[in-house]
Amino acid sequence: MAEMGAQQAAAPRNAAERRARYFNSANAFNIKLPAVPARAFDDVAARALAPGMPTGWYACDQSGALRCDCVATTPLMLARYARINAQQQLHLHGLCSGVICYVIQGQGRAGTVTEQLHWETGDVILFAGGQDVVFSAADGDAVLWVVTDEPLYAHCRAVPPADCGVVPTVHYRNADIDAQLQLIQYKTPEATTSGCAVVFSSEQLQASRNLLPTLTLSLNSLRGHCDQQPHRHNSAAITLVVSGQACHTTIDGQPVPWQPWSTLVTPAAAAHSHHNRGEDLARFLIVQDGGLYYHARTMGFQFLG
């Protein structure tokens, strides 16, 4: 049965019947997709932050390894750096459910035809997808980290609605984020809690605790000389190193040293943990395609060891 290949209608009467293809239980489920590589995009971060580099998008792209038809960091997510030199602009029209942005350095404005925001270092901003977003730097060069679910929309050949009413424009100020992190820093988490993190949501999505219907965003922290308990989950994770010295992430037994502002990829279901050998608090921003798995009741979170 496995060698039969795709079957077609014996006597199609029209174009719709000619398009039909038939497989069987032996050859329909034996497609071997390439594994998602665990990777640190140190080189991309260094280019985006290097003085004198041009305004533009610096993508964390491993579509070749994934055999994806679009630029992709994981099968369902895309992370990239937006470098905007002083007094310049950068445009984005993403076919996605939303655009998550973290300001690595600089200040400026970003917005759509209906809303404009002024951002500065350490802010998080969210825009709905499917609309033009314009980023403008002020008097100095700026760099933002931007994550979307464009690969998911590309896979489905989907186009987001002009106004879905679910994803609003939201601005999370750096001072408010730090206050929330301090609020939980000296609390004792429950035994079932992994890490000490601020999780971002909105008025519209607070019931699901998500930032987008598909994606989750959290600012995780780890005290000096501490280790996060190894765990795994069915969602993939894209991590931005925000701060921390002598830190690393272990993915499937392999240590991945942290470099400033690097993007790390943790494949779905990979055993992983974070480790801080320095003195200061480590901070790292994590985007997961967890919204999809929570909705499907298949998150599969599991502590290891």
C-alpha atoms as a PDB file:
ATOM      1  CA  MET A   1       0.000   0.000   0.000  1.00  0.00           C
ATOM      2  CA  ALA A   2       2.779   2.432   0.839  1.00  0.00           C
ATOM      3  CA  GLU A   3       4.138   2.239  -2.731  1.00  0.00           C
ATOM      4  CA  MET A   4       0.870   2.962  -4.488  1.00  0.00           C
ATOM      5  CA  GLY A   5       1.288   6.734  -4.704  1.00  0.00           C
ATOM      6  CA  ALA A   6      -1.473   9.246  -5.351  1.00  0.00           C
ATOM      7  CA  GLN A   7      -4.569   7.881  -7.093  1.00  0.00           C
ATOM      8  CA  GLN A   8      -6.962   9.807  -9.343  1.00  0.00           C
ATOM      9  CA  ALA A   9     -10.558   9.477 -10.450  1.00  0.00           C
ATOM     10  CA  ALA A  10     -10.992   6.745 -13.091  1.00  0.00           C
ATOM     11  CA  ALA A  11     -13.335   8.743 -15.323  1.00  0.00           C
ATOM     12  CA  PRO A  12     -13.511  12.400 -14.251  1.00  0.00           C
ATOM     13  CA  ARG A  13     -16.404  14.310 -15.754  1.00  0.00           C
ATOM     14  CA  ASN A  14     -15.131  17.816 -15.046  1.00  0.00           C
ATOM     15  CA  ALA A  15     -12.181  19.830 -13.747  1.00  0.00           C
ATOM     16  CA  ALA A  16     -13.304  19.556 -10.131  1.00  0.00           C
ATOM     17  CA  GLU A  17     -13.278  15.743 -10.309  1.00  0.00           C
ATOM     18  CA  ARG A  18      -9.903  15.762 -12.093  1.00  0.00           C
ATOM     19  CA  ARG A  19      -8.396  17.612  -9.123  1.00  0.00           C
ATOM     20  CA  ALA A  20      -9.267  14.798  -6.696  1.00  0.00           C
ATOM     21  CA  ARG A  21      -6.381  12.765  -5.259  1.00  0.00           C
ATOM     22  CA  TYR A  22      -6.642   9.648  -3.085  1.00  0.00           C
ATOM     23  CA  PHE A  23      -4.134   8.221  -0.619  1.00  0.00           C
ATOM     24  CA  ASN A  24      -4.383   5.318   1.815  1.00  0.00           C
ATOM     25  CA  SER A  25      -3.511   4.692   5.460  1.00  0.00           C
ATOM     26  CA  ALA A  26      -0.035   3.418   4.530  1.00  0.00           C
ATOM     27  CA  ASN A  27       1.177   6.296   2.359  1.00  0.00           C
ATOM     28  CA  ALA A  28      -0.765   9.304   3.681  1.00  0.00           C
ATOM     29  CA  PHE A  29       1.120   9.681   6.967  1.00  0.00           C
ATOM     30  CA  ASN A  30       4.701   8.780   6.039  1.00  0.00           C
ATOM     31  CA  ILE A  31       5.883  12.238   4.988  1.00  0.00           C
ATOM     32  CA  LYS A  32       9.128  13.085   6.811  1.00  0.00           C
ATOM     33  CA  LEU A  33       9.433  16.810   7.441  1.00  0.00           C
ATOM     34  CA  PRO A  34      12.823  18.248   8.446  1.00  0.00           C
ATOM     35  CA  ALA A  35      13.319  18.895  12.135  1.00  0.00           C
ATOM     36  CA  VAL A  36      13.249  22.463  13.440  1.00  0.00           C
ATOM     37  CA  PRO A  37      16.881  23.376  14.182  1.00  0.00           C
ATOM     38  CA  ALA A  38      17.756  24.709  17.612  1.00  0.00           C
ATOM     39  CA  ARG A  39      19.752  27.805  16.813  1.00  0.00           C
ATOM     40  CA  ALA A  40      21.145  31.075  18.154  1.00  0.00           C
ATOM     41  CA  PHE A  41      21.010  33.974  15.688  1.00  0.00           C
ATOM     42  CA  ASP A  42      24.044  35.768  17.150  1.00  0.00           C
ATOM     43  CA  ASP A  43      25.190  36.899  13.716  1.00  0.00           C
ATOM     44  CA  VAL A  44      21.871  38.484  12.761  1.00  0.00           C
ATOM     45  CA  ALA A  45      21.668  40.399  16.038  1.00  0.00           C
ATOM     46  CA  ALA A  46      25.229  41.649  15.641  1.00  0.00           C
ATOM     47  CA  ARG A  47      24.544  42.905  12.106  1.00  0.00           C
ATOM     48  CA  ALA A  48      21.341  44.689  13.071  1.00  0.00           C
ATOM     49  CA  LEU A  49      23.034  46.458  15.983  1.00  0.00           C
ATOM     50  CA  ALA A  50      26.337  47.275  14.287  1.00  0.00           C
ATOM     51  CA  PRO A  51      27.009  51.000  13.700  1.00  0.00           C
ATOM     52  CA  GLY A  52      26.661  52.090  10.093  1.00  0.00           C
ATOM     53  CA  MET A  53      24.319  49.304   8.994  1.00  0.00           C
ATOM     54  CA  PRO A  54      21.450  50.422   6.742  1.00  0.00           C
ATOM     55  CA  THR A  55      17.822  50.793   7.711  1.00  0.00           C
ATOM     56  CA  GLY A  56      16.018  47.532   6.977  1.00  0.00           C
ATOM     57  CA  TRP A  57      14.797  44.155   8.153  1.00  0.00           C
ATOM     58  CA  TYR A  58      17.273  41.583   9.477  1.00  0.00           C
ATOM     59  CA  ALA A  59      15.420  38.273   9.520  1.00  0.00           C
ATOM     60  CA  CYS A  60      16.161  35.222  11.665  1.00  0.00           C
ATOM     61  CA  ASP A  61      15.515  32.994   8.694  1.00  0.00           C
ATOM     62  CA  GLN A  62      15.885  29.237   8.561  1.00  0.00           C
ATOM     63  CA  SER A  63      13.283  28.586   5.881  1.00  0.00           C
ATOM     64  CA  GLY A  64      15.846  26.590   3.891  1.00  0.00           C
ATOM     65  CA  ALA A  65      16.358  24.097   6.692  1.00  0.00           C
ATOM     66  CA  LEU A  66      12.597  23.945   7.281  1.00  0.00           C
ATOM     67  CA  ARG A  67      11.785  23.662   3.551  1.00  0.00           C
ATOM     68  CA  CYS A  68       9.295  26.530   3.937  1.00  0.00           C
ATOM     69  CA  ASP A  69       8.177  28.634   0.974  1.00  0.00           C
ATOM     70  CA  CYS A  70       8.365  31.837   3.032  1.00  0.00           C
ATOM     71  CA  VAL A  71      10.849  33.457   5.391  1.00  0.00           C
ATOM     72  CA  ALA A  72      10.450  31.660   8.731  1.00  0.00           C
ATOM     73  CA  THR A  73      12.195  31.180  12.057  1.00  0.00           C
ATOM     74  CA  THR A  74       9.977  28.240  13.046  1.00  0.00           C
ATOM     75  CA  PRO A  75       7.197  26.650  10.985  1.00  0.00           C
ATOM     76  CA  LEU A  76       4.626  29.094  12.441  1.00  0.00           C
ATOM     77  CA  MET A  77       6.664  32.146  13.564  1.00  0.00           C
ATOM     78  CA  LEU A  78       9.040  34.743  12.153  1.00  0.00           C
ATOM     79  CA  ALA A  79      11.438  36.855  14.231  1.00  0.00           C
ATOM     80  CA  ARG A  80      13.437  39.716  12.765  1.00  0.00           C
ATOM     81  CA  TYR A  81      15.246  42.867  13.801  1.00  0.00           C
ATOM     82  CA  ALA A  82      14.082  46.231  12.512  1.00  0.00           C
ATOM     83  CA  ARG A  83      16.959  48.692  12.224  1.00  0.00           C
ATOM     84  CA  ILE A  84      15.857  52.277  11.665  1.00  0.00           C
ATOM     85  CA  ASN A  85      18.547  54.896  11.352  1.00  0.00           C
ATOM     86  CA  ALA A  86      18.020  58.406  12.686  1.00  0.00           C
ATOM     87  CA  GLN A  87      15.181  60.311  10.994  1.00  0.00           C
ATOM     88  CA  GLN A  88      14.360  57.366   8.743  1.00  0.00           C
ATOM     89  CA  GLN A  89      11.321  55.109   8.364  1.00  0.00           C
ATOM     90  CA  LEU A  90      10.629  51.415   7.911  1.00  0.00           C
ATOM     91  CA  HIS A  91       7.339  49.957   6.680  1.00  0.00           C
ATOM     92  CA  LEU A  92       5.666  46.630   7.437  1.00  0.00           C
ATOM     93  CA  HIS A  93       2.510  45.105   6.004  1.00  0.00           C
ATOM     94  CA  GLY A  94       2.440  41.663   7.548  1.00  0.00           C
ATOM     95  CA  LEU A  95      -0.079  39.013   6.593  1.00  0.00           C
ATOM     96  CA  CYS A  96      -0.431  37.834  10.173  1.00  0.00           C
ATOM     97  CA  SER A  97      -2.707  38.063  13.185  1.00  0.00           C
ATOM     98  CA  GLY A  98      -0.509  40.640  14.907  1.00  0.00           C
ATOM     99  CA  VAL A  99       2.885  42.338  15.120  1.00  0.00           C
ATOM    100  CA  ILE A 100       4.788  42.067  18.431  1.00  0.00           C
ATOM    101  CA  CYS A 101       7.602  44.600  18.900  1.00  0.00           C
ATOM    102  CA  TYR A 102      10.233  45.057  21.610  1.00  0.00           C
ATOM    103  CA  VAL A 103      12.396  48.187  21.541  1.00  0.00           C
ATOM    104  CA  ILE A 104      16.043  47.181  21.967  1.00  0.00           C
ATOM    105  CA  GLN A 105      17.421  50.693  21.603  1.00  0.00           C
ATOM    106  CA  GLY A 106      16.371  54.182  20.600  1.00  0.00           C
ATOM    107  CA  GLN A 107      13.090  55.993  20.461  1.00  0.00           C
ATOM    108  CA  GLY A 108      10.635  57.028  17.810  1.00  0.00           C
ATOM    109  CA  ARG A 109       7.085  56.631  16.595  1.00  0.00           C
ATOM    110  CA  ALA A 110       5.094  53.761  15.136  1.00  0.00           C
ATOM    111  CA  GLY A 111       1.559  53.554  13.979  1.00  0.00           C
ATOM    112  CA  THR A 112      -1.177  52.909  11.495  1.00  0.00           C
ATOM    113  CA  VAL A 113      -3.589  55.211   9.719  1.00  0.00           C
ATOM    114  CA  THR A 114      -5.710  55.343  12.890  1.00  0.00           C
ATOM    115  CA  GLU A 115      -3.231  55.239  15.816  1.00  0.00           C
ATOM    116  CA  GLN A 116       0.247  56.612  16.529  1.00  0.00           C
ATOM    117  CA  LEU A 117       2.489  55.627  19.451  1.00  0.00           C
ATOM    118  CA  HIS A 118       5.750  57.086  20.767  1.00  0.00           C
ATOM    119  CA  TRP A 119       8.095  54.326  21.898  1.00  0.00           C
ATOM    120  CA  GLU A 120      11.428  54.163  23.701  1.00  0.00           C
ATOM    121  CA  THR A 121      13.933  51.575  24.875  1.00  0.00           C
ATOM    122  CA  GLY A 122      12.361  48.659  26.734  1.00  0.00           C
ATOM    123  CA  ASP A 123       8.797  49.207  25.522  1.00  0.00           C
ATOM    124  CA  VAL A 124       6.610  46.467  24.041  1.00  0.00           C
ATOM    125  CA  ILE A 125       4.026  47.389  21.418  1.00  0.00           C
ATOM    126  CA  LEU A 126       1.410  45.352  19.596  1.00  0.00           C
ATOM    127  CA  PHE A 127      -0.402  46.055  16.331  1.00  0.00           C
ATOM    128  CA  ALA A 128      -3.022  43.981  14.562  1.00  0.00           C
ATOM    129  CA  GLY A 129      -1.822  42.304  11.372  1.00  0.00           C
ATOM    130  CA  GLY A 130      -3.031  42.972   7.856  1.00  0.00           C
ATOM    131  CA  GLN A 131      -2.451  46.708   7.963  1.00  0.00           C
ATOM    132  CA  ASP A 132       0.392  49.097   7.182  1.00  0.00           C
ATOM    133  CA  VAL A 133       2.604  49.867  10.177  1.00  0.00           C
ATOM    134  CA  VAL A 134       5.214  52.613   9.837  1.00  0.00           C
ATOM    135  CA  PHE A 135       8.190  52.817  12.213  1.00  0.00           C
ATOM    136  CA  SER A 136      10.039  56.155  12.435  1.00  0.00           C
ATOM    137  CA  ALA A 137      13.244  56.733  14.412  1.00  0.00           C
ATOM    138  CA  ALA A 138      13.894  59.976  16.269  1.00  0.00           C
ATOM    139  CA  ASP A 139      17.312  61.669  16.326  1.00  0.00           C
ATOM    140  CA  GLY A 140      19.263  58.486  17.023  1.00  0.00           C
ATOM    141  CA  ASP A 141      19.431  55.029  15.455  1.00  0.00           C
ATOM    142  CA  ALA A 142      16.848  52.548  16.724  1.00  0.00           C
ATOM    143  CA  VAL A 143      16.556  48.748  16.733  1.00  0.00           C
ATOM    144  CA  LEU A 144      13.405  46.757  17.463  1.00  0.00           C
ATOM    145  CA  TRP A 145      12.779  43.018  17.735  1.00  0.00           C
ATOM    146  CA  VAL A 146       9.642  42.059  15.813  1.00  0.00           C
ATOM    147  CA  VAL A 147       7.803  38.707  15.867  1.00  0.00           C
ATOM    148  CA  THR A 148       4.744  37.662  13.837  1.00  0.00           C
ATOM    149  CA  ASP A 149       2.908  34.501  12.829  1.00  0.00           C
ATOM    150  CA  GLU A 150       3.361  35.218   9.102  1.00  0.00           C
ATOM    151  CA  PRO A 151       4.562  31.647   8.349  1.00  0.00           C
ATOM    152  CA  LEU A 152       1.246  30.305   9.684  1.00  0.00           C
ATOM    153  CA  TYR A 153      -0.733  32.601   7.388  1.00  0.00           C
ATOM    154  CA  ALA A 154       1.546  31.750   4.470  1.00  0.00           C
ATOM    155  CA  HIS A 155       1.028  28.020   5.077  1.00  0.00           C
ATOM    156  CA  CYS A 156      -2.760  28.482   5.084  1.00  0.00           C
ATOM    157  CA  ARG A 157      -2.677  30.981   2.189  1.00  0.00           C
ATOM    158  CA  ALA A 158      -4.753  33.159   4.527  1.00  0.00           C
ATOM    159  CA  VAL A 159      -5.290  36.905   4.604  1.00  0.00           C
ATOM    160  CA  PRO A 160      -6.164  38.608   7.917  1.00  0.00           C
ATOM    161  CA  PRO A 161      -9.310  40.729   7.998  1.00  0.00           C
ATOM    162  CA  ALA A 162      -8.897  44.495   7.927  1.00  0.00           C
ATOM    163  CA  ASP A 163     -10.446  44.748  11.409  1.00  0.00           C
ATOM    164  CA  CYS A 164     -10.968  41.501  13.311  1.00  0.00           C
ATOM    165  CA  GLY A 165     -11.873  43.312  16.536  1.00  0.00           C
ATOM    166  CA  VAL A 166      -9.779  40.915  18.634  1.00  0.00           C
ATOM    167  CA  VAL A 167      -6.248  42.323  18.356  1.00  0.00           C
ATOM    168  CA  PRO A 168      -6.067  45.947  19.485  1.00  0.00           C
ATOM    169  CA  THR A 169      -3.135  48.325  19.425  1.00  0.00           C
ATOM    170  CA  VAL A 170      -1.498  48.001  22.862  1.00  0.00           C
ATOM    171  CA  HIS A 171       1.479  49.836  24.370  1.00  0.00           C
ATOM    172  CA  TYR A 172       3.335  48.338  27.330  1.00  0.00           C
ATOM    173  CA  ARG A 173       5.666  50.965  28.798  1.00  0.00           C
ATOM    174  CA  ASN A 174       9.103  49.958  30.049  1.00  0.00           C
ATOM    175  CA  ALA A 175       8.397  51.433  33.500  1.00  0.00           C
ATOM    176  CA  ASP A 176       5.160  49.440  33.822  1.00  0.00           C
ATOM    177  CA  ILE A 177       6.877  46.237  32.687  1.00  0.00           C
ATOM    178  CA  ASP A 178       9.655  46.707  35.259  1.00  0.00           C
ATOM    179  CA  ALA A 179       7.093  47.388  37.977  1.00  0.00           C
ATOM    180  CA  GLN A 180       5.281  44.153  37.157  1.00  0.00           C
ATOM    181  CA  LEU A 181       8.560  42.220  37.192  1.00  0.00           C
ATOM    182  CA  GLN A 182       9.480  43.671  40.585  1.00  0.00           C
ATOM    183  CA  LEU A 183       6.014  42.816  41.887  1.00  0.00           C
ATOM    184  CA  ILE A 184       6.596  39.086  41.402  1.00  0.00           C
ATOM    185  CA  GLN A 185      10.368  38.938  41.896  1.00  0.00           C
ATOM    186  CA  TYR A 186      10.260  37.975  45.562  1.00  0.00           C
ATOM    187  CA  LYS A 187       7.081  35.941  45.482  1.00  0.00           C
ATOM    188  CA  THR A 188       7.285  32.179  45.909  1.00  0.00           C
ATOM    189  CA  PRO A 189       5.879  30.472  42.816  1.00  0.00           C
ATOM    190  CA  GLU A 190       3.754  27.355  43.079  1.00  0.00           C
ATOM    191  CA  ALA A 191       5.438  24.016  42.507  1.00  0.00           C
ATOM    192  CA  THR A 192       3.730  23.749  39.122  1.00  0.00           C
ATOM    193  CA  THR A 193       5.036  27.150  37.948  1.00  0.00           C
ATOM    194  CA  SER A 194       7.997  27.330  35.582  1.00  0.00           C
ATOM    195  CA  GLY A 195      10.101  30.416  36.132  1.00  0.00           C
ATOM    196  CA  CYS A 196       9.240  33.928  37.247  1.00  0.00           C
ATOM    197  CA  ALA A 197       7.724  35.794  34.306  1.00  0.00           C
ATOM    198  CA  VAL A 198       5.466  38.683  33.352  1.00  0.00           C
ATOM    199  CA  VAL A 199       2.910  37.482  30.799  1.00  0.00           C
ATOM    200  CA  PHE A 200       1.481  40.057  28.387  1.00  0.00           C
ATOM    201  CA  SER A 201      -2.184  40.220  27.483  1.00  0.00           C
ATOM    202  CA  SER A 202      -4.851  42.799  26.659  1.00  0.00           C
ATOM    203  CA  GLU A 203      -8.347  43.809  27.693  1.00  0.00           C
ATOM    204  CA  GLN A 204      -9.768  41.873  24.738  1.00  0.00           C
ATOM    205  CA  LEU A 205      -7.797  38.667  25.376  1.00  0.00           C
ATOM    206  CA  GLN A 206      -7.372  38.637  29.138  1.00  0.00           C
ATOM    207  CA  ALA A 207      -9.627  35.594  29.470  1.00  0.00           C
ATOM    208  CA  SER A 208      -7.099  33.502  27.533  1.00  0.00           C
ATOM    209  CA  ARG A 209      -4.024  35.286  29.018  1.00  0.00           C
ATOM    210  CA  ASN A 210      -2.625  35.583  25.496  1.00  0.00           C
ATOM    211  CA  LEU A 211      -1.298  38.500  23.510  1.00  0.00           C
ATOM    212  CA  LEU A 212      -2.645  37.093  20.246  1.00  0.00           C
ATOM    213  CA  PRO A 213      -5.012  34.205  19.530  1.00  0.00           C
ATOM    214  CA  THR A 214      -1.982  32.293  18.227  1.00  0.00           C
ATOM    215  CA  LEU A 215       1.021  33.667  20.128  1.00  0.00           C
ATOM    216  CA  THR A 216       2.001  34.185  23.762  1.00  0.00           C
ATOM    217  CA  LEU A 217       4.578  36.685  25.045  1.00  0.00           C
ATOM    218  CA  SER A 218       6.352  36.662  28.400  1.00  0.00           C
ATOM    219  CA  LEU A 219       9.310  38.438  29.971  1.00  0.00           C
ATOM    220  CA  ASN A 220      11.062  35.746  31.968  1.00  0.00           C
ATOM    221  CA  SER A 221      13.622  36.306  34.708  1.00  0.00           C
ATOM    222  CA  LEU A 222      16.214  34.211  36.502  1.00  0.00           C
ATOM    223  CA  ARG A 223      18.168  35.263  39.573  1.00  0.00           C
ATOM    224  CA  GLY A 224      21.936  35.048  39.728  1.00  0.00           C
ATOM    225  CA  HIS A 225      23.433  31.584  40.270  1.00  0.00           C
ATOM    226  CA  CYS A 226      20.049  29.946  39.634  1.00  0.00           C
ATOM    227  CA  ASP A 227      18.778  27.319  37.217  1.00  0.00           C
ATOM    228  CA  GLN A 228      15.346  26.881  35.717  1.00  0.00           C
ATOM    229  CA  GLN A 229      13.983  23.366  36.043  1.00  0.00           C
ATOM    230  CA  PRO A 230      14.189  21.407  32.761  1.00  0.00           C
ATOM    231  CA  HIS A 231      10.873  21.104  30.967  1.00  0.00           C
ATOM    232  CA  ARG A 232       9.251  20.701  27.563  1.00  0.00           C
ATOM    233  CA  HIS A 233       6.048  21.778  25.797  1.00  0.00           C
ATOM    234  CA  ASN A 234       4.469  21.286  22.397  1.00  0.00           C
ATOM    235  CA  SER A 235       4.828  24.914  21.345  1.00  0.00           C
ATOM    236  CA  ALA A 236       8.043  26.199  19.799  1.00  0.00           C
ATOM    237  CA  ALA A 237       9.750  29.135  21.509  1.00  0.00           C
ATOM    238  CA  ILE A 238      11.685  32.120  20.180  1.00  0.00           C
ATOM    239  CA  THR A 239      13.747  33.858  22.867  1.00  0.00           C
ATOM    240  CA  LEU A 240      15.360  37.304  22.869  1.00  0.00           C
ATOM    241  CA  VAL A 241      18.265  37.725  25.295  1.00  0.00           C
ATOM    242  CA  VAL A 242      17.501  41.021  27.061  1.00  0.00           C
ATOM    243  CA  SER A 243      20.077  40.985  29.860  1.00  0.00           C
ATOM    244  CA  GLY A 244      22.296  38.560  31.704  1.00  0.00           C
ATOM    245  CA  GLN A 245      25.959  37.618  31.998  1.00  0.00           C
ATOM    246  CA  ALA A 246      27.391  34.109  32.100  1.00  0.00           C
ATOM    247  CA  CYS A 247      24.013  32.675  31.075  1.00  0.00           C
ATOM    248  CA  HIS A 248      23.098  29.858  28.755  1.00  0.00           C
ATOM    249  CA  THR A 249      20.165  27.771  27.617  1.00  0.00           C
ATOM    250  CA  THR A 250      20.380  23.988  27.378  1.00  0.00           C
ATOM    251  CA  ILE A 251      18.352  22.464  24.527  1.00  0.00           C
ATOM    252  CA  ASP A 252      18.207  18.679  24.277  1.00  0.00           C
ATOM    253  CA  GLY A 253      21.377  18.449  26.342  1.00  0.00           C
ATOM    254  CA  GLN A 254      23.359  20.987  24.289  1.00  0.00           C
ATOM    255  CA  PRO A 255      24.355  24.284  25.971  1.00  0.00           C
ATOM    256  CA  VAL A 256      23.690  27.450  23.944  1.00  0.00           C
ATOM    257  CA  PRO A 257      25.598  30.451  25.386  1.00  0.00           C
ATOM    258  CA  TRP A 258      23.755  33.758  25.501  1.00  0.00           C
ATOM    259  CA  GLN A 259      25.038  36.675  23.450  1.00  0.00           C
ATOM    260  CA  PRO A 260      23.656  40.220  23.818  1.00  0.00           C
ATOM    261  CA  TRP A 261      20.298  40.596  22.038  1.00  0.00           C
ATOM    262  CA  SER A 262      20.585  37.242  20.285  1.00  0.00           C
ATOM    263  CA  THR A 263      17.520  35.279  19.202  1.00  0.00           C
ATOM    264  CA  LEU A 264      17.359  31.634  20.322  1.00  0.00           C
ATOM    265  CA  VAL A 265      15.099  28.959  18.848  1.00  0.00           C
ATOM    266  CA  THR A 266      13.794  26.141  21.040  1.00  0.00           C
ATOM    267  CA  PRO A 267      12.039  23.524  18.872  1.00  0.00           C
ATOM    268  CA  ALA A 268       8.653  22.169  19.871  1.00  0.00           C
ATOM    269  CA  ALA A 269       8.836  19.354  22.460  1.00  0.00           C
ATOM    270  CA  ALA A 270      12.584  19.857  23.005  1.00  0.00           C
ATOM    271  CA  ALA A 271      13.825  19.408  26.563  1.00  0.00           C
ATOM    272  CA  HIS A 272      15.258  22.737  27.680  1.00  0.00           C
ATOM    273  CA  SER A 273      16.263  24.846  30.667  1.00  0.00           C
ATOM    274  CA  HIS A 274      17.867  28.225  31.387  1.00  0.00           C
ATOM    275  CA  HIS A 275      20.916  28.833  33.579  1.00  0.00           C
ATOM    276  CA  ASN A 276      22.363  31.993  35.157  1.00  0.00           C
ATOM    277  CA  ARG A 277      25.946  31.742  36.416  1.00  0.00           C
ATOM    278  CA  GLY A 278      26.277  35.504  36.867  1.00  0.00           C
ATOM    279  CA  GLU A 279      25.468  37.803  39.771  1.00  0.00           C
ATOM    280  CA  ASP A 280      22.680  39.891  38.264  1.00  0.00           C
ATOM    281  CA  LEU A 281      19.096  39.103  37.343  1.00  0.00           C
ATOM    282  CA  ALA A 282      18.805  37.666  33.833  1.00  0.00           C
ATOM    283  CA  ARG A 283      15.878  38.753  31.661  1.00  0.00           C
ATOM    284  CA  PHE A 284      14.715  37.108  28.441  1.00  0.00           C
ATOM    285  CA  LEU A 285      11.657  37.709  26.275  1.00  0.00           C
ATOM    286  CA  ILE A 286       9.898  34.619  24.935  1.00  0.00           C
ATOM    287  CA  VAL A 287       7.323  34.303  22.155  1.00  0.00           C
ATOM    288  CA  GLN A 288       5.608  30.940  21.698  1.00  0.00           C
ATOM    289  CA  ASP A 289       2.961  29.682  19.316  1.00  0.00           C
ATOM    290  CA  GLY A 290       1.258  28.575  22.524  1.00  0.00           C
ATOM    291  CA  GLY A 291      -2.076  30.221  21.777  1.00  0.00           C
ATOM    292  CA  LEU A 292      -2.789  27.517  19.213  1.00  0.00           C
ATOM    293  CA  TYR A 293      -1.887  24.691  21.575  1.00  0.00           C
ATOM    294  CA  TYR A 294      -3.817  26.122  24.513  1.00  0.00           C
ATOM    295  CA  HIS A 295      -6.899  26.408  22.330  1.00  0.00           C
ATOM    296  CA  ALA A 296      -6.454  22.825  21.090  1.00  0.00           C
ATOM    297  CA  ARG A 297      -5.857  21.573  24.688  1.00  0.00           C
ATOM    298  CA  THR A 298      -2.518  20.124  23.605  1.00  0.00           C
ATOM    299  CA  MET A 299       0.094  22.344  25.317  1.00  0.00           C
ATOM    300  CA  GLY A 300       1.730  19.266  26.813  1.00  0.00           C
ATOM    301  CA  PHE A 301       3.808  21.109  29.428  1.00  0.00           C
ATOM    302  CA  GLN A 302       5.955  18.692  31.417  1.00  0.00           C
ATOM    303  CA  PHE A 303       8.711  19.115  34.005  1.00  0.00           C
ATOM    304  CA  LEU A 304      11.684  16.806  33.507  1.00  0.00           C
ATOM    305  CA  GLY A 305      13.933  15.261  36.091  1.00  0.00           C
END
